[in-house]
Amino acid sequence: MTTRRERFDDLVLDAADRLRPQLGTRYAATEFAVQDVPPTDPAPWDEQMAPLGRLLRATPERADRVVVYRRPVEARAADALDLAEIVAEVVTEQVAALLGVPPEELDPGTR
C-alpha cells in the first residue's frame, strides 16, 4: 500500500515525465523534487498565500530544480483528480518559467 506522500511524489514524476521532451538537451538534467512546505514564511510584501512550487536555477554545484510543495497543494485540492491537475499545473508553470515560455505553450490545458 502506498502512502499519500508516495502518491504525491508519483504525481510530480508523472507531470515531469510528460514535459521531459520539451526540456531538450540543455535542460535534460533538470531535477524535480517535493518538499512538504516552503522553506520560509512570506515577507509582509509577498503574497500571503503559500507558494505551490518554485524554480531553483542551476548553480555550478547543481542542475536546475523544480520543487513542488506538497502541503499547500494538497490544501487546495478538492479531491484526487483535482490534486493531479494542480500538480501538473504547478510543474508546467515552473518548467515554462525555466524555458522562458508561457505555460500554455507546453500544455494548452493549463488554467
N, C-alpha and C. Protein backbone atom coordinates (compact mmCIF):
# COMPACT_ATOMS: atom_id res chain seq x y z
N MET A 1 0.84 -1.17 0.00
CA MET A 1 0.00 0.00 0.00
C MET A 1 0.89 1.25 0.00
N THR A 2 0.58 2.18 -0.87
CA THR A 2 1.38 3.39 -0.95
C THR A 2 0.82 4.47 -0.03
N THR A 3 1.73 5.30 0.45
CA THR A 3 1.32 6.39 1.33
C THR A 3 0.87 7.58 0.50
N ARG A 4 0.23 8.52 1.16
CA ARG A 4 -0.21 9.75 0.49
C ARG A 4 1.00 10.51 -0.07
N ARG A 5 2.07 10.51 0.68
CA ARG A 5 3.30 11.17 0.24
C ARG A 5 3.87 10.51 -1.02
N GLU A 6 3.87 9.19 -1.05
CA GLU A 6 4.37 8.47 -2.22
C GLU A 6 3.50 8.73 -3.44
N ARG A 7 2.19 8.77 -3.25
CA ARG A 7 1.28 9.07 -4.36
C ARG A 7 1.53 10.48 -4.89
N PHE A 8 1.78 11.42 -4.01
CA PHE A 8 2.07 12.79 -4.42
C PHE A 8 3.38 12.82 -5.22
N ASP A 9 4.40 12.14 -4.72
CA ASP A 9 5.68 12.07 -5.44
C ASP A 9 5.47 11.51 -6.85
N ASP A 10 4.63 10.47 -6.96
CA ASP A 10 4.34 9.88 -8.26
C ASP A 10 3.65 10.88 -9.19
N LEU A 11 2.75 11.70 -8.65
CA LEU A 11 2.09 12.72 -9.47
C LEU A 11 3.10 13.71 -10.03
N VAL A 12 4.05 14.12 -9.20
CA VAL A 12 5.08 15.06 -9.65
C VAL A 12 5.95 14.42 -10.73
N LEU A 13 6.35 13.18 -10.51
CA LEU A 13 7.17 12.49 -11.51
C LEU A 13 6.42 12.28 -12.82
N ASP A 14 5.14 11.96 -12.74
CA ASP A 14 4.33 11.80 -13.96
C ASP A 14 4.24 13.12 -14.72
N ALA A 15 4.01 14.21 -14.01
CA ALA A 15 3.93 15.53 -14.65
C ALA A 15 5.28 15.89 -15.28
N ALA A 16 6.35 15.59 -14.58
CA ALA A 16 7.70 15.87 -15.11
C ALA A 16 7.96 15.03 -16.35
N ASP A 17 7.60 13.77 -16.32
CA ASP A 17 7.83 12.89 -17.48
C ASP A 17 7.10 13.38 -18.72
N ARG A 18 5.90 13.94 -18.53
CA ARG A 18 5.15 14.46 -19.68
C ARG A 18 5.85 15.65 -20.32
N LEU A 19 6.62 16.40 -19.52
CA LEU A 19 7.28 17.60 -20.04
C LEU A 19 8.74 17.38 -20.44
N ARG A 20 9.30 16.24 -20.13
CA ARG A 20 10.71 15.98 -20.45
C ARG A 20 11.04 16.22 -21.92
N PRO A 21 10.20 15.82 -22.87
CA PRO A 21 10.55 16.07 -24.27
C PRO A 21 10.75 17.56 -24.59
N GLN A 22 10.02 18.44 -23.93
CA GLN A 22 10.16 19.87 -24.19
C GLN A 22 11.43 20.44 -23.56
N LEU A 23 12.00 19.76 -22.59
CA LEU A 23 13.18 20.29 -21.92
C LEU A 23 14.42 20.28 -22.81
N GLY A 24 14.49 19.35 -23.74
CA GLY A 24 15.62 19.30 -24.65
C GLY A 24 16.92 18.99 -23.92
N THR A 25 18.01 19.02 -24.68
CA THR A 25 19.30 18.63 -24.10
C THR A 25 19.84 19.66 -23.12
N ARG A 26 19.55 20.93 -23.34
CA ARG A 26 20.08 21.98 -22.46
C ARG A 26 19.56 21.82 -21.03
N TYR A 27 18.33 21.36 -20.87
CA TYR A 27 17.72 21.24 -19.55
C TYR A 27 17.45 19.78 -19.17
N ALA A 28 18.12 18.86 -19.84
CA ALA A 28 17.87 17.43 -19.60
C ALA A 28 18.16 17.01 -18.17
N ALA A 29 19.06 17.70 -17.51
CA ALA A 29 19.44 17.33 -16.15
C ALA A 29 18.53 17.95 -15.09
N THR A 30 17.47 18.64 -15.52
CA THR A 30 16.57 19.28 -14.56
C THR A 30 16.06 18.25 -13.55
N GLU A 31 16.12 18.64 -12.28
CA GLU A 31 15.66 17.77 -11.20
C GLU A 31 14.26 18.20 -10.78
N PHE A 32 13.47 17.24 -10.34
CA PHE A 32 12.13 17.50 -9.83
C PHE A 32 12.08 16.97 -8.41
N ALA A 33 11.61 17.81 -7.50
CA ALA A 33 11.62 17.44 -6.09
C ALA A 33 10.31 17.85 -5.42
N VAL A 34 10.07 17.24 -4.27
CA VAL A 34 8.90 17.57 -3.45
C VAL A 34 9.41 17.94 -2.07
N GLN A 35 8.89 19.04 -1.54
CA GLN A 35 9.10 19.40 -0.15
C GLN A 35 7.72 19.55 0.49
N ASP A 36 7.64 19.26 1.76
CA ASP A 36 6.34 19.35 2.43
C ASP A 36 5.80 20.77 2.42
N VAL A 37 6.63 21.73 2.78
CA VAL A 37 6.21 23.13 2.86
C VAL A 37 7.33 24.02 2.34
N PRO A 38 7.00 25.25 1.95
CA PRO A 38 8.05 26.19 1.55
C PRO A 38 9.01 26.42 2.72
N PRO A 39 10.26 26.74 2.43
CA PRO A 39 11.26 26.84 3.49
C PRO A 39 11.07 28.01 4.46
N THR A 40 10.38 29.06 4.07
CA THR A 40 10.22 30.21 4.97
C THR A 40 8.84 30.82 4.82
N ASP A 41 8.47 31.63 5.78
CA ASP A 41 7.22 32.39 5.69
C ASP A 41 7.41 33.51 4.68
N PRO A 42 6.34 33.90 3.98
CA PRO A 42 6.48 35.01 3.04
C PRO A 42 6.74 36.32 3.78
N ALA A 43 7.45 37.21 3.11
CA ALA A 43 7.68 38.55 3.66
C ALA A 43 6.35 39.30 3.65
N PRO A 44 6.21 40.33 4.47
CA PRO A 44 4.93 41.07 4.52
C PRO A 44 4.48 41.61 3.17
N TRP A 45 5.41 41.92 2.28
CA TRP A 45 5.04 42.46 0.97
C TRP A 45 4.79 41.36 -0.06
N ASP A 46 5.13 40.11 0.27
CA ASP A 46 4.87 39.00 -0.63
C ASP A 46 3.41 38.59 -0.54
N GLU A 47 2.98 37.85 -1.54
CA GLU A 47 1.63 37.29 -1.50
C GLU A 47 1.52 36.43 -0.24
N GLN A 48 0.43 36.54 0.48
CA GLN A 48 0.29 35.85 1.76
C GLN A 48 -0.16 34.40 1.62
N MET A 49 -0.35 33.95 0.41
CA MET A 49 -0.70 32.56 0.17
C MET A 49 0.59 31.77 -0.02
N ALA A 50 0.69 30.62 0.59
CA ALA A 50 1.89 29.80 0.45
C ALA A 50 2.09 29.42 -1.01
N PRO A 51 3.33 29.50 -1.49
CA PRO A 51 3.57 29.11 -2.89
C PRO A 51 3.36 27.61 -3.07
N LEU A 52 3.01 27.24 -4.27
CA LEU A 52 2.77 25.84 -4.59
C LEU A 52 4.02 25.17 -5.15
N GLY A 53 4.90 25.97 -5.72
CA GLY A 53 6.11 25.43 -6.30
C GLY A 53 7.14 26.51 -6.49
N ARG A 54 8.32 26.09 -6.91
CA ARG A 54 9.43 27.03 -7.07
C ARG A 54 10.43 26.48 -8.06
N LEU A 55 11.03 27.38 -8.80
CA LEU A 55 12.11 27.03 -9.71
C LEU A 55 13.41 27.52 -9.10
N LEU A 56 14.34 26.62 -8.92
CA LEU A 56 15.68 26.98 -8.45
C LEU A 56 16.62 26.83 -9.64
N ARG A 57 17.18 27.94 -10.07
CA ARG A 57 18.08 27.92 -11.23
C ARG A 57 19.36 27.17 -10.91
N ALA A 58 19.97 26.64 -11.94
CA ALA A 58 21.21 25.87 -11.79
C ALA A 58 22.32 26.74 -11.21
N THR A 59 23.16 26.09 -10.47
CA THR A 59 24.39 26.70 -9.96
C THR A 59 25.53 25.80 -10.44
N PRO A 60 26.76 26.21 -10.22
CA PRO A 60 27.85 25.32 -10.62
C PRO A 60 27.81 23.96 -9.91
N GLU A 61 27.15 23.91 -8.75
CA GLU A 61 27.09 22.66 -7.97
C GLU A 61 25.89 21.78 -8.27
N ARG A 62 24.82 22.34 -8.87
CA ARG A 62 23.62 21.52 -9.09
C ARG A 62 22.86 21.99 -10.33
N ALA A 63 22.04 21.09 -10.82
CA ALA A 63 21.23 21.37 -12.01
C ALA A 63 20.01 22.21 -11.63
N ASP A 64 19.29 22.70 -12.64
CA ASP A 64 18.02 23.37 -12.39
C ASP A 64 17.13 22.41 -11.61
N ARG A 65 16.32 22.97 -10.71
CA ARG A 65 15.45 22.13 -9.89
C ARG A 65 14.06 22.75 -9.79
N VAL A 66 13.05 21.94 -10.05
CA VAL A 66 11.66 22.34 -9.86
C VAL A 66 11.19 21.66 -8.58
N VAL A 67 10.70 22.49 -7.65
CA VAL A 67 10.22 21.97 -6.37
C VAL A 67 8.72 22.21 -6.28
N VAL A 68 8.00 21.19 -5.85
CA VAL A 68 6.55 21.29 -5.62
C VAL A 68 6.34 21.11 -4.12
N TYR A 69 5.56 22.02 -3.53
CA TYR A 69 5.29 21.99 -2.09
C TYR A 69 4.01 21.21 -1.82
N ARG A 70 4.17 20.04 -1.23
CA ARG A 70 3.06 19.09 -1.07
C ARG A 70 1.90 19.62 -0.23
N ARG A 71 2.16 20.11 0.93
CA ARG A 71 1.06 20.50 1.83
C ARG A 71 0.22 21.65 1.27
N PRO A 72 0.81 22.73 0.74
CA PRO A 72 -0.03 23.78 0.15
C PRO A 72 -0.85 23.28 -1.05
N VAL A 73 -0.27 22.38 -1.84
CA VAL A 73 -1.01 21.84 -2.99
C VAL A 73 -2.17 20.99 -2.49
N GLU A 74 -1.90 20.11 -1.54
CA GLU A 74 -2.97 19.26 -1.01
C GLU A 74 -4.08 20.10 -0.38
N ALA A 75 -3.72 21.21 0.26
CA ALA A 75 -4.73 22.06 0.90
C ALA A 75 -5.68 22.69 -0.12
N ARG A 76 -5.23 22.86 -1.34
CA ARG A 76 -6.06 23.50 -2.37
C ARG A 76 -6.88 22.49 -3.18
N ALA A 77 -6.55 21.22 -3.07
CA ALA A 77 -7.21 20.20 -3.88
C ALA A 77 -8.49 19.71 -3.22
N ALA A 78 -9.54 19.63 -4.01
CA ALA A 78 -10.83 19.15 -3.52
C ALA A 78 -10.89 17.63 -3.46
N ASP A 79 -10.17 16.97 -4.38
CA ASP A 79 -10.18 15.51 -4.45
C ASP A 79 -8.94 15.04 -5.20
N ALA A 80 -8.83 13.74 -5.42
CA ALA A 80 -7.63 13.18 -6.05
C ALA A 80 -7.44 13.69 -7.48
N LEU A 81 -8.51 13.84 -8.23
CA LEU A 81 -8.41 14.34 -9.59
C LEU A 81 -7.93 15.79 -9.60
N ASP A 82 -8.49 16.59 -8.72
CA ASP A 82 -8.08 17.99 -8.59
C ASP A 82 -6.61 18.07 -8.18
N LEU A 83 -6.18 17.20 -7.29
CA LEU A 83 -4.78 17.17 -6.85
C LEU A 83 -3.86 16.91 -8.04
N ALA A 84 -4.19 15.93 -8.86
CA ALA A 84 -3.37 15.62 -10.03
C ALA A 84 -3.31 16.81 -10.99
N GLU A 85 -4.42 17.50 -11.17
CA GLU A 85 -4.46 18.65 -12.07
C GLU A 85 -3.62 19.81 -11.53
N ILE A 86 -3.70 20.05 -10.23
CA ILE A 86 -2.92 21.13 -9.64
C ILE A 86 -1.43 20.82 -9.73
N VAL A 87 -1.04 19.59 -9.43
CA VAL A 87 0.38 19.20 -9.53
C VAL A 87 0.87 19.41 -10.95
N ALA A 88 0.11 18.93 -11.93
CA ALA A 88 0.51 19.09 -13.33
C ALA A 88 0.65 20.56 -13.69
N GLU A 89 -0.27 21.38 -13.21
CA GLU A 89 -0.23 22.81 -13.49
C GLU A 89 1.00 23.48 -12.87
N VAL A 90 1.31 23.14 -11.63
CA VAL A 90 2.47 23.72 -10.95
C VAL A 90 3.76 23.32 -11.68
N VAL A 91 3.89 22.05 -12.00
CA VAL A 91 5.09 21.59 -12.71
C VAL A 91 5.20 22.28 -14.07
N THR A 92 4.09 22.37 -14.79
CA THR A 92 4.09 23.04 -16.10
C THR A 92 4.51 24.50 -15.96
N GLU A 93 3.96 25.20 -14.97
CA GLU A 93 4.30 26.61 -14.79
C GLU A 93 5.79 26.80 -14.49
N GLN A 94 6.36 25.93 -13.67
CA GLN A 94 7.77 26.06 -13.31
C GLN A 94 8.68 25.71 -14.48
N VAL A 95 8.33 24.69 -15.25
CA VAL A 95 9.12 24.34 -16.43
C VAL A 95 9.01 25.44 -17.47
N ALA A 96 7.83 26.01 -17.63
CA ALA A 96 7.66 27.13 -18.57
C ALA A 96 8.55 28.30 -18.16
N ALA A 97 8.62 28.60 -16.86
CA ALA A 97 9.49 29.67 -16.38
C ALA A 97 10.95 29.34 -16.69
N LEU A 98 11.33 28.11 -16.53
CA LEU A 98 12.70 27.68 -16.84
C LEU A 98 13.02 27.90 -18.32
N LEU A 99 12.07 27.56 -19.18
CA LEU A 99 12.28 27.66 -20.62
C LEU A 99 12.00 29.06 -21.16
N GLY A 100 11.36 29.90 -20.35
CA GLY A 100 11.04 31.25 -20.80
C GLY A 100 9.90 31.30 -21.80
N VAL A 101 8.93 30.41 -21.60
CA VAL A 101 7.76 30.37 -22.49
C VAL A 101 6.50 30.41 -21.64
N PRO A 102 5.36 30.79 -22.23
CA PRO A 102 4.11 30.74 -21.46
C PRO A 102 3.71 29.28 -21.19
N PRO A 103 3.11 29.01 -20.03
CA PRO A 103 2.71 27.63 -19.71
C PRO A 103 1.81 27.01 -20.78
N GLU A 104 0.96 27.83 -21.41
CA GLU A 104 0.04 27.31 -22.43
C GLU A 104 0.78 26.72 -23.62
N GLU A 105 2.02 27.15 -23.84
CA GLU A 105 2.81 26.60 -24.94
C GLU A 105 3.21 25.15 -24.67
N LEU A 106 3.38 24.81 -23.39
CA LEU A 106 3.74 23.44 -23.02
C LEU A 106 2.51 22.56 -22.84
N ASP A 107 1.45 23.16 -22.31
CA ASP A 107 0.21 22.43 -22.06
C ASP A 107 -0.97 23.35 -22.29
N PRO A 108 -1.62 23.22 -23.44
CA PRO A 108 -2.73 24.12 -23.76
C PRO A 108 -3.86 24.10 -22.72
N GLY A 109 -3.94 23.06 -21.91
CA GLY A 109 -4.99 22.96 -20.91
C GLY A 109 -4.67 23.67 -19.60
N THR A 110 -3.51 24.31 -19.50
CA THR A 110 -3.13 25.00 -18.27
C THR A 110 -4.11 26.11 -17.96
N ARG A 111 -4.57 26.16 -16.69
CA ARG A 111 -5.55 27.17 -16.27
C ARG A 111 -4.98 28.56 -16.33
